[in-house]
Amino acid sequence: MLKIFINILLLLWVQTSINAQQYWLTQSSPTHNNLRACFFTDSLHGWIGGDSGVILKTTNNGKTWNFQNSGVRNGILSVFFVNQRKGYALSWEIDNVPPNYYGTRILSTIDGGNSWSNYLFSDTNEFLNTITFTDSLNGWMGGSGGKIFYTTNAGGQWTQGVVDSGQVLGFPVQAISFSDTQNGYASGGAFDIAGVVWKTSNGGATWRTRIVGPEPVNDLHIFDPLNIIGVGGDFEFGSSYVKTQDGGSGWNYTELGIFGIANSIAFRTNSEAWVSLGIIDSFLVSTNSGITWRLTGTPGNARLYKMIFVDDKHGWAVGNNGVILKFNSELIGISEHKEFLPESVILYQNYPNPFNPKTIIHYRLSPDRGEIIGVKLYLYDILGKMVMSLIDQKQNAGSYHINLDATNLQSGIYYYQLVTSGQFSNSISILTKKMVVLK
């Protein structure tokens, strides 16, 4: 029994890896720190930021990555380079050692990161999440309290923009994107309260806010001055996106019904978009500019938090445990993207994990011809003994979740297995993932 169970796990892992690696290739990474920031100025030169002040640099399209001395100990949250030499980064200062500074450290370099200088932002207790520039002089930062700052002299002085005091005062800013030096958008919000978009037409001096949905909008992409898309979501209802076709006067909110929180969106072409989902090991993919979305797995079950495309051949994604993925340019030109067809059954990683004593298991059914399929969900211990039967019924296509209470289970590693059988095709699918009960 145990041998069969282990063989099933290995087979599933191999099949998932092969499918995912068709479009993204895992790169050699010199760190196991979680990575949260990524920026490339061209196909060769790029920087990645992560926990413990890690900044990595490549000058050869990611063939090798070298550590840079950031001068800070806490995580790098955002990285932006104006050109190959001039760049910026943000890190929070949270220190238990006197004098106990709290706030944001702004890092800058003028030699491609060979040397970094930093200073504590003058407005203390401000925790800034994102920094961006349109040229060597004009830049913006945003973060806690819904505050947005701008500079017109390359960061020599930062001025706080005036934000209208509507219903969304105080919600954090997660992303900022400008189409030119005058016109830009910021996005953010708070879980279970509101998703927010801020708009400026005077370079960030003043901002107009608008609630666009019930959950935070974590990233934005500007197609043109009228058409903008943003992605976000929450733990309970999963990923969502918002779109406007009139320059932000009106926004349409769509809940995708897919577990995971969309945190970064990157367009390879005007029509092909990729979204990282953070807490689950999958991408969202669109081949029609965000009208419809499909799901595909990540290599090695990677959980990703930042993505960027420099052009249609060069893309990067980074995430937990030092993972660095590179877009497989060898596949460019394959018509219709046949590999993007969604799997008929998807089992997501439970969240939270590890957990005590409760967690949520999500799965999605997309059977052919709308057939009803038999669904069984089992929980096994580390020895392969079934300790719980969670589901045994027939279900239609759709997204499902189950709340698991492990109060009566001991601490340790468990496996949950989803077994589905087709109504017409008589096919059987077996998907398995690991969870950890920690008491």
Protein backbone atom coordinates (compact mmCIF):
# COMPACT_ATOMS: atom_id res chain seq x y z
CA MET A 1 0.00 0.00 0.00
CA LEU A 2 2.72 2.48 1.01
CA LYS A 3 4.85 1.63 -2.04
CA ILE A 4 1.92 2.22 -4.40
CA PHE A 5 1.12 5.48 -2.62
CA ILE A 6 4.70 6.78 -2.94
CA ASN A 7 4.86 5.77 -6.62
CA ILE A 8 1.68 7.75 -7.28
CA LEU A 9 3.23 10.81 -5.61
CA LEU A 10 6.39 10.55 -7.73
CA LEU A 11 4.43 10.07 -10.94
CA LEU A 12 2.24 13.09 -10.25
CA TRP A 13 5.27 15.23 -9.44
CA VAL A 14 7.00 14.29 -12.70
CA GLN A 15 3.90 14.93 -14.80
CA THR A 16 3.29 18.32 -13.21
CA SER A 17 6.92 19.37 -13.68
CA ILE A 18 7.02 18.41 -17.34
CA ASN A 19 3.83 20.34 -18.10
CA ALA A 20 4.94 23.47 -16.28
CA GLN A 21 8.47 23.53 -17.65
CA GLN A 22 7.23 23.83 -21.21
CA TYR A 23 6.87 27.58 -20.75
CA TRP A 24 9.04 28.43 -17.75
CA LEU A 25 12.49 27.07 -16.94
CA THR A 26 13.91 26.95 -13.42
CA GLN A 27 17.21 28.81 -13.15
CA SER A 28 20.10 28.19 -10.80
CA SER A 29 19.68 30.51 -7.80
CA PRO A 30 22.41 31.41 -5.29
CA THR A 31 19.94 31.96 -2.43
CA HIS A 32 17.09 30.25 -0.58
CA ASN A 33 15.67 33.53 0.66
CA ASN A 34 12.17 34.46 -0.45
CA LEU A 35 12.33 36.83 -3.43
CA ARG A 36 9.77 39.61 -3.87
CA ALA A 37 11.17 42.14 -6.38
CA CYS A 38 12.48 41.86 -9.92
CA PHE A 39 13.45 44.40 -12.60
CA PHE A 40 15.23 44.19 -15.97
CA THR A 41 16.37 47.14 -18.08
CA ASP A 42 16.97 44.92 -21.12
CA SER A 43 17.38 41.25 -21.97
CA LEU A 44 20.81 41.06 -20.28
CA HIS A 45 20.74 43.27 -17.19
CA GLY A 46 18.47 42.52 -14.25
CA TRP A 47 18.16 42.76 -10.48
CA ILE A 48 16.21 40.69 -7.95
CA GLY A 49 15.43 41.64 -4.35
CA GLY A 50 14.42 39.46 -1.42
CA ASP A 51 14.55 38.73 2.29
CA SER A 52 17.49 39.69 4.51
CA GLY A 53 18.53 42.53 2.21
CA VAL A 54 19.33 40.21 -0.71
CA ILE A 55 19.95 41.89 -4.06
CA LEU A 56 21.06 39.74 -6.99
CA LYS A 57 22.31 40.99 -10.35
CA THR A 58 22.81 39.41 -13.76
CA THR A 59 24.52 40.90 -16.80
CA ASN A 60 24.15 37.84 -19.04
CA ASN A 61 20.41 37.12 -19.26
CA GLY A 62 20.34 35.17 -16.02
CA LYS A 63 23.08 32.66 -16.82
CA THR A 64 24.73 33.75 -13.59
CA TRP A 65 23.53 35.80 -10.62
CA ASN A 66 25.83 37.65 -8.22
CA PHE A 67 25.12 39.05 -4.76
CA GLN A 68 25.32 42.79 -4.24
CA ASN A 69 25.86 44.48 -0.88
CA SER A 70 22.60 46.28 -0.25
CA GLY A 71 23.64 47.65 3.11
CA VAL A 72 20.33 46.65 4.75
CA ARG A 73 19.26 43.61 6.74
CA ASN A 74 15.53 43.51 6.09
CA GLY A 75 13.66 42.44 2.97
CA ILE A 76 13.89 44.25 -0.37
CA LEU A 77 10.29 45.00 -1.37
CA SER A 78 10.65 46.88 -4.65
CA VAL A 79 13.41 47.45 -7.21
CA PHE A 80 13.42 49.88 -10.14
CA PHE A 81 16.22 50.86 -12.53
CA VAL A 82 16.09 53.88 -14.83
CA ASN A 83 19.00 52.50 -16.85
CA GLN A 84 21.84 50.02 -16.38
CA ARG A 85 23.55 52.24 -13.81
CA LYS A 86 20.91 54.24 -11.95
CA GLY A 87 18.49 52.35 -9.72
CA TYR A 88 16.41 52.40 -6.55
CA ALA A 89 15.04 49.93 -4.00
CA LEU A 90 12.87 49.97 -0.89
CA SER A 91 13.25 48.15 2.42
CA TRP A 92 11.41 48.45 5.72
CA GLU A 93 13.37 49.38 8.82
CA ILE A 94 12.07 47.33 11.75
CA ASP A 95 14.79 46.97 14.36
CA ASN A 96 14.73 45.72 17.95
CA VAL A 97 18.16 47.22 18.55
CA PRO A 98 18.34 50.87 19.74
CA PRO A 99 17.71 53.47 18.41
CA ASN A 100 14.76 51.39 17.08
CA TYR A 101 14.12 53.15 13.80
CA TYR A 102 10.82 52.36 12.12
CA GLY A 103 9.95 53.29 8.57
CA THR A 104 11.29 52.83 5.05
CA ARG A 105 14.85 52.84 3.84
CA ILE A 106 15.34 54.16 0.32
CA LEU A 107 18.29 52.61 -1.47
CA SER A 108 19.94 54.09 -4.55
CA THR A 109 22.86 53.31 -6.84
CA ILE A 110 24.57 55.08 -9.73
CA ASP A 111 26.88 52.22 -10.73
CA GLY A 112 24.48 49.38 -11.42
CA GLY A 113 24.39 48.26 -7.81
CA ASN A 114 28.12 47.72 -7.32
CA SER A 115 27.62 50.11 -4.43
CA TRP A 116 24.34 51.03 -2.75
CA SER A 117 23.65 53.97 -0.45
CA ASN A 118 20.54 54.27 1.70
CA TYR A 119 18.75 56.58 4.09
CA LEU A 120 15.73 56.37 6.35
CA PHE A 121 12.79 58.16 4.75
CA SER A 122 12.17 61.42 6.60
CA ASP A 123 8.49 60.68 7.20
CA THR A 124 8.99 57.98 9.86
CA ASN A 125 6.49 55.19 10.44
CA GLU A 126 5.71 55.23 6.72
CA PHE A 127 6.01 51.76 5.20
CA LEU A 128 6.34 52.10 1.44
CA ASN A 129 5.68 49.11 -0.84
CA THR A 130 6.55 50.27 -4.34
CA ILE A 131 8.81 52.67 -6.25
CA THR A 132 8.78 53.54 -9.95
CA PHE A 133 10.20 56.15 -12.36
CA THR A 134 9.36 57.25 -15.88
CA ASP A 135 12.78 58.85 -16.48
CA SER A 136 15.90 59.83 -14.57
CA LEU A 137 14.12 62.67 -12.70
CA ASN A 138 10.45 61.77 -12.16
CA GLY A 139 9.50 59.04 -9.72
CA TRP A 140 6.79 57.91 -7.29
CA MET A 141 6.47 55.83 -4.12
CA GLY A 142 3.37 54.51 -2.32
CA GLY A 143 2.51 52.47 0.74
CA SER A 144 0.76 52.52 4.09
CA GLY A 145 -1.94 55.03 4.86
CA GLY A 146 -2.77 55.48 1.18
CA LYS A 147 0.07 57.99 0.87
CA ILE A 148 1.81 58.60 -2.45
CA PHE A 149 5.03 60.61 -2.78
CA TYR A 150 6.63 62.06 -5.91
CA THR A 151 10.00 63.48 -6.91
CA THR A 152 11.04 65.64 -9.84
CA ASN A 153 14.76 65.66 -9.01
CA ALA A 154 15.78 62.00 -8.99
CA GLY A 155 14.86 61.44 -5.35
CA GLY A 156 16.67 64.44 -3.97
CA GLN A 157 13.35 65.53 -2.48
CA TRP A 158 10.10 63.64 -2.05
CA THR A 159 6.78 65.50 -1.83
CA GLN A 160 3.54 63.97 -0.61
CA GLY A 161 0.73 64.10 -3.15
CA VAL A 162 -2.71 65.30 -2.11
CA VAL A 163 -5.21 62.43 -2.05
CA ASP A 164 -8.93 63.20 -1.98
CA SER A 165 -10.51 62.31 1.35
CA GLY A 166 -13.24 60.00 0.10
CA GLN A 167 -14.32 56.66 1.49
CA VAL A 168 -10.91 55.04 0.97
CA LEU A 169 -8.62 57.24 3.03
CA GLY A 170 -5.86 55.22 4.65
CA PHE A 171 -5.86 52.04 2.55
CA PRO A 172 -2.33 50.95 1.53
CA VAL A 173 -0.94 51.42 -1.97
CA GLN A 174 0.56 48.27 -3.53
CA ALA A 175 1.50 49.32 -7.08
CA ILE A 176 2.01 52.46 -9.18
CA SER A 177 2.12 52.69 -12.98
CA PHE A 178 2.49 55.74 -15.25
CA SER A 179 1.86 56.09 -18.97
CA ASP A 180 3.89 59.33 -19.05
CA THR A 181 5.22 61.86 -16.52
CA GLN A 182 1.76 63.34 -15.89
CA ASN A 183 -0.75 60.50 -16.10
CA GLY A 184 -0.66 57.55 -13.77
CA TYR A 185 -2.55 55.09 -11.58
CA ALA A 186 -1.95 53.47 -8.23
CA SER A 187 -3.74 50.45 -6.79
CA GLY A 188 -4.23 48.75 -3.46
CA GLY A 189 -6.91 48.36 -0.81
CA ALA A 190 -7.71 46.16 2.17
CA PHE A 191 -8.94 42.56 2.44
CA ASP A 192 -12.71 42.17 2.80
CA ILE A 193 -13.18 45.96 2.66
CA ALA A 194 -12.32 47.49 -0.71
CA GLY A 195 -10.11 47.42 -3.76
CA VAL A 196 -8.94 50.91 -4.63
CA VAL A 197 -7.48 52.70 -7.66
CA TRP A 198 -5.92 56.17 -7.43
CA LYS A 199 -5.57 58.36 -10.55
CA THR A 200 -3.49 61.45 -11.25
CA SER A 201 -3.22 63.71 -14.30
CA ASN A 202 -0.68 66.18 -12.91
CA GLY A 203 2.36 64.06 -12.15
CA GLY A 204 1.21 62.88 -8.74
CA ALA A 205 0.55 66.27 -7.15
CA THR A 206 -3.11 65.30 -6.63
CA TRP A 207 -4.90 61.96 -6.74
CA ARG A 208 -8.54 60.96 -7.15
CA THR A 209 -9.62 57.70 -5.54
CA ARG A 210 -12.23 55.19 -6.58
CA ILE A 211 -13.45 51.92 -5.05
CA VAL A 212 -13.36 49.31 -7.83
CA GLY A 213 -14.18 46.09 -5.99
CA PRO A 214 -14.36 44.30 -2.64
CA GLU A 215 -10.73 43.10 -2.53
CA PRO A 216 -7.27 44.70 -2.96
CA VAL A 217 -5.85 45.36 -6.42
CA ASN A 218 -2.20 44.36 -6.18
CA ASP A 219 -0.83 45.23 -9.61
CA LEU A 220 -1.72 47.25 -12.73
CA HIS A 221 -1.01 47.24 -16.44
CA ILE A 222 -1.70 50.24 -18.68
CA PHE A 223 -2.49 49.32 -22.30
CA ASP A 224 -3.11 52.96 -23.30
CA PRO A 225 -4.58 56.09 -21.62
CA LEU A 226 -8.10 54.61 -21.73
CA ASN A 227 -7.56 50.89 -21.14
CA ILE A 228 -6.12 49.60 -17.85
CA ILE A 229 -6.30 46.25 -16.09
CA GLY A 230 -5.56 45.39 -12.47
CA VAL A 231 -5.35 42.05 -10.61
CA GLY A 232 -5.83 41.07 -6.99
CA GLY A 233 -7.98 38.94 -4.72
CA ASP A 234 -8.17 37.48 -1.23
CA PHE A 235 -7.81 34.19 0.66
CA GLU A 236 -11.51 33.32 0.75
CA PHE A 237 -12.81 34.15 -2.74
CA GLY A 238 -9.58 33.81 -4.69
CA SER A 239 -8.31 35.86 -7.61
CA SER A 240 -10.09 38.73 -9.34
CA TYR A 241 -9.40 41.46 -11.86
CA VAL A 242 -10.67 44.94 -12.70
CA LYS A 243 -10.73 46.70 -16.08
CA THR A 244 -11.54 50.15 -17.39
CA GLN A 245 -12.05 51.26 -20.98
CA ASP A 246 -12.67 54.95 -20.30
CA GLY A 247 -9.55 56.07 -18.49
CA GLY A 248 -10.75 55.12 -15.02
CA SER A 249 -14.17 56.77 -14.94
CA GLY A 250 -15.77 53.33 -14.63
CA TRP A 251 -14.33 49.97 -13.60
CA ASN A 252 -15.65 46.44 -14.09
CA TYR A 253 -14.84 43.93 -11.34
CA THR A 254 -14.71 40.20 -12.11
CA GLU A 255 -14.22 37.39 -9.60
CA LEU A 256 -12.48 34.45 -11.27
CA GLY A 257 -13.42 31.77 -8.75
CA ILE A 258 -9.84 30.50 -8.73
CA PHE A 259 -8.05 30.00 -5.41
CA GLY A 260 -4.94 32.12 -5.01
CA ILE A 261 -4.22 35.84 -4.76
CA ALA A 262 -3.13 37.51 -8.00
CA ASN A 263 -0.16 39.67 -6.99
CA SER A 264 1.73 40.51 -10.18
CA ILE A 265 0.72 40.83 -13.84
CA ALA A 266 3.10 40.90 -16.80
CA PHE A 267 2.27 41.09 -20.51
CA ARG A 268 4.54 39.25 -22.94
CA THR A 269 2.63 40.72 -25.88
CA ASN A 270 -0.36 43.02 -26.12
CA SER A 271 -2.61 39.97 -25.86
CA GLU A 272 -0.68 37.42 -23.79
CA ALA A 273 -0.58 38.03 -20.03
CA TRP A 274 0.80 36.04 -17.10
CA VAL A 275 -0.24 36.45 -13.47
CA SER A 276 1.52 35.01 -10.41
CA LEU A 277 -0.73 33.70 -7.64
CA GLY A 278 1.58 33.68 -4.62
CA ILE A 279 0.01 31.22 -2.21
CA ILE A 280 -0.59 28.50 -4.82
CA ASP A 281 1.74 26.85 -7.33
CA SER A 282 0.05 28.08 -10.50
CA PHE A 283 -0.10 30.88 -13.06
CA LEU A 284 -3.11 32.59 -14.57
CA VAL A 285 -2.70 33.01 -18.34
CA SER A 286 -4.67 35.07 -20.84
CA THR A 287 -4.17 35.11 -24.59
CA ASN A 288 -6.85 37.73 -25.31
CA SER A 289 -5.73 40.74 -23.25
CA GLY A 290 -7.42 39.59 -20.07
CA ILE A 291 -10.90 38.79 -21.41
CA THR A 292 -10.61 35.14 -20.34
CA TRP A 293 -8.11 33.39 -18.09
CA ARG A 294 -6.74 29.87 -17.82
CA LEU A 295 -4.69 28.11 -15.17
CA THR A 296 -1.35 26.33 -15.59
CA GLY A 297 1.10 24.98 -13.04
CA THR A 298 4.50 26.34 -12.07
CA PRO A 299 7.75 24.32 -12.38
CA GLY A 300 8.63 22.54 -9.16
CA ASN A 301 5.42 23.79 -7.51
CA ALA A 302 7.00 27.23 -7.18
CA ARG A 303 5.02 29.99 -5.46
CA LEU A 304 5.67 33.23 -7.28
CA TYR A 305 5.27 36.87 -6.26
CA LYS A 306 6.78 39.06 -8.98
CA MET A 307 6.93 38.85 -12.78
CA ILE A 308 8.34 40.98 -15.59
CA PHE A 309 8.70 40.76 -19.38
CA VAL A 310 11.31 42.91 -21.09
CA ASP A 311 10.03 41.93 -24.54
CA ASP A 312 8.18 39.01 -26.12
CA LYS A 313 11.19 36.71 -25.73
CA HIS A 314 12.49 37.54 -22.26
CA GLY A 315 10.48 37.13 -19.06
CA TRP A 316 11.24 36.43 -15.43
CA ALA A 317 9.39 35.35 -12.30
CA VAL A 318 10.63 35.07 -8.70
CA GLY A 319 9.19 33.75 -5.47
CA ASN A 320 9.60 31.69 -2.33
CA ASN A 321 12.78 29.82 -1.38
CA GLY A 322 14.93 31.69 -3.90
CA VAL A 323 13.12 30.39 -6.97
CA ILE A 324 13.98 32.14 -10.26
CA LEU A 325 12.09 31.22 -13.44
CA LYS A 326 12.93 32.25 -16.99
CA PHE A 327 10.44 32.24 -19.86
CA ASN A 328 11.26 29.55 -22.41
CA SER A 329 11.75 31.59 -25.58
CA GLU A 330 12.16 28.38 -27.60
CA LEU A 331 8.36 28.03 -27.57
CA ILE A 332 7.66 31.42 -29.14
CA GLY A 333 5.82 30.97 -32.41
CA ILE A 334 3.83 27.89 -31.42
CA SER A 335 0.38 28.62 -32.78
CA GLU A 336 -2.70 28.81 -30.60
CA HIS A 337 -0.72 28.02 -27.43
CA LYS A 338 -2.13 24.53 -27.18
CA GLU A 339 -0.27 23.90 -23.92
CA PHE A 340 -2.40 26.58 -22.25
CA LEU A 341 -5.45 24.33 -22.28
CA PRO A 342 -6.52 24.05 -18.65
CA GLU A 343 -6.30 20.80 -16.78
CA SER A 344 -9.71 19.17 -16.28
CA VAL A 345 -9.03 18.75 -12.54
CA ILE A 346 -6.85 21.00 -10.39
CA LEU A 347 -5.97 20.44 -6.73
CA TYR A 348 -4.51 23.47 -4.95
CA GLN A 349 -2.15 23.61 -2.03
CA ASN A 350 -4.06 23.93 1.22
CA TYR A 351 -3.87 27.25 3.04
CA PRO A 352 -2.59 27.94 5.60
CA ASN A 353 0.14 25.33 5.61
CA PRO A 354 1.55 24.40 8.14
CA PHE A 355 -1.61 24.90 10.21
CA ASN A 356 -3.20 24.37 13.62
CA PRO A 357 -5.90 23.19 13.73
CA LYS A 358 -7.83 24.39 10.67
CA THR A 359 -7.01 24.78 6.97
CA ILE A 360 -8.84 25.08 3.64
CA ILE A 361 -8.47 22.71 0.67
CA HIS A 362 -9.51 24.10 -2.73
CA TYR A 363 -9.97 22.22 -6.00
CA ARG A 364 -11.42 22.95 -9.43
CA LEU A 365 -13.32 20.71 -11.84
CA SER A 366 -13.43 21.52 -15.58
CA PRO A 367 -14.63 18.27 -17.19
CA ASP A 368 -15.20 17.93 -20.93
CA ARG A 369 -18.78 18.24 -22.25
CA GLY A 370 -20.00 19.49 -18.89
CA GLU A 371 -20.12 15.96 -17.50
CA ILE A 372 -20.81 15.21 -13.86
CA ILE A 373 -17.90 13.39 -12.27
CA GLY A 374 -17.38 11.37 -9.14
CA VAL A 375 -15.22 13.08 -6.56
CA LYS A 376 -13.43 11.53 -3.59
CA LEU A 377 -11.07 13.35 -1.26
CA TYR A 378 -9.00 11.37 1.23
CA LEU A 379 -6.47 12.25 3.93
CA TYR A 380 -3.50 9.93 4.53
CA ASP A 381 -0.80 9.91 7.19
CA ILE A 382 2.92 9.63 6.45
CA LEU A 383 2.68 5.81 6.40
CA GLY A 384 -0.02 5.83 3.73
CA LYS A 385 -2.86 4.95 6.08
CA MET A 386 -6.15 6.70 5.32
CA VAL A 387 -7.17 8.70 8.38
CA MET A 388 -10.15 10.59 6.99
CA SER A 389 -12.59 10.54 4.07
CA LEU A 390 -13.51 14.14 3.32
CA ILE A 391 -15.68 13.88 0.17
CA ASP A 392 -17.42 11.06 -1.69
CA GLN A 393 -20.04 12.38 -4.11
CA LYS A 394 -20.77 13.51 -7.68
CA GLN A 395 -20.14 17.15 -8.60
CA ASN A 396 -20.56 19.50 -11.55
CA ALA A 397 -17.85 21.70 -13.04
CA GLY A 398 -16.79 24.54 -10.77
CA SER A 399 -14.56 25.57 -7.88
CA TYR A 400 -14.95 23.90 -4.50
CA HIS A 401 -13.40 24.11 -1.08
CA ILE A 402 -13.57 22.15 2.14
CA ASN A 403 -12.68 23.29 5.64
CA LEU A 404 -10.50 20.70 7.38
CA ASP A 405 -10.38 20.59 11.18
CA ALA A 406 -7.32 18.63 12.39
CA THR A 407 -8.07 18.97 16.11
CA ASN A 408 -8.04 15.20 16.52
CA LEU A 409 -4.89 14.63 14.47
CA GLN A 410 -1.35 14.52 15.80
CA SER A 411 1.38 16.85 14.58
CA GLY A 412 3.09 15.62 11.45
CA ILE A 413 3.05 15.30 7.68
CA TYR A 414 -0.15 14.24 5.91
CA TYR A 415 -1.20 13.84 2.29
CA TYR A 416 -4.56 14.76 0.83
CA GLN A 417 -5.59 13.00 -2.36
CA LEU A 418 -8.30 13.96 -4.85
CA VAL A 419 -9.65 11.09 -6.96
CA THR A 420 -12.06 11.91 -9.80
CA SER A 421 -13.76 9.66 -12.35
CA GLY A 422 -15.36 10.79 -15.61
CA GLN A 423 -18.99 10.13 -16.46
CA PHE A 424 -18.47 9.67 -20.22
CA SER A 425 -14.77 9.06 -20.71
CA ASN A 426 -14.36 6.65 -17.77
CA SER A 427 -11.04 8.37 -17.08
CA ILE A 428 -9.60 8.51 -13.57
CA SER A 429 -7.50 11.36 -12.21
CA ILE A 430 -5.50 11.13 -8.96
CA LEU A 431 -3.92 14.29 -7.55
CA THR A 432 -2.02 14.44 -4.25
CA LYS A 433 -0.46 17.21 -2.16
CA LYS A 434 1.31 17.40 1.19
CA MET A 435 0.18 19.28 4.30
CA VAL A 436 1.72 19.74 7.73
CA VAL A 437 -0.17 19.77 11.03
CA LEU A 438 1.89 21.74 13.55
CA LYS A 439 0.72 21.81 17.16
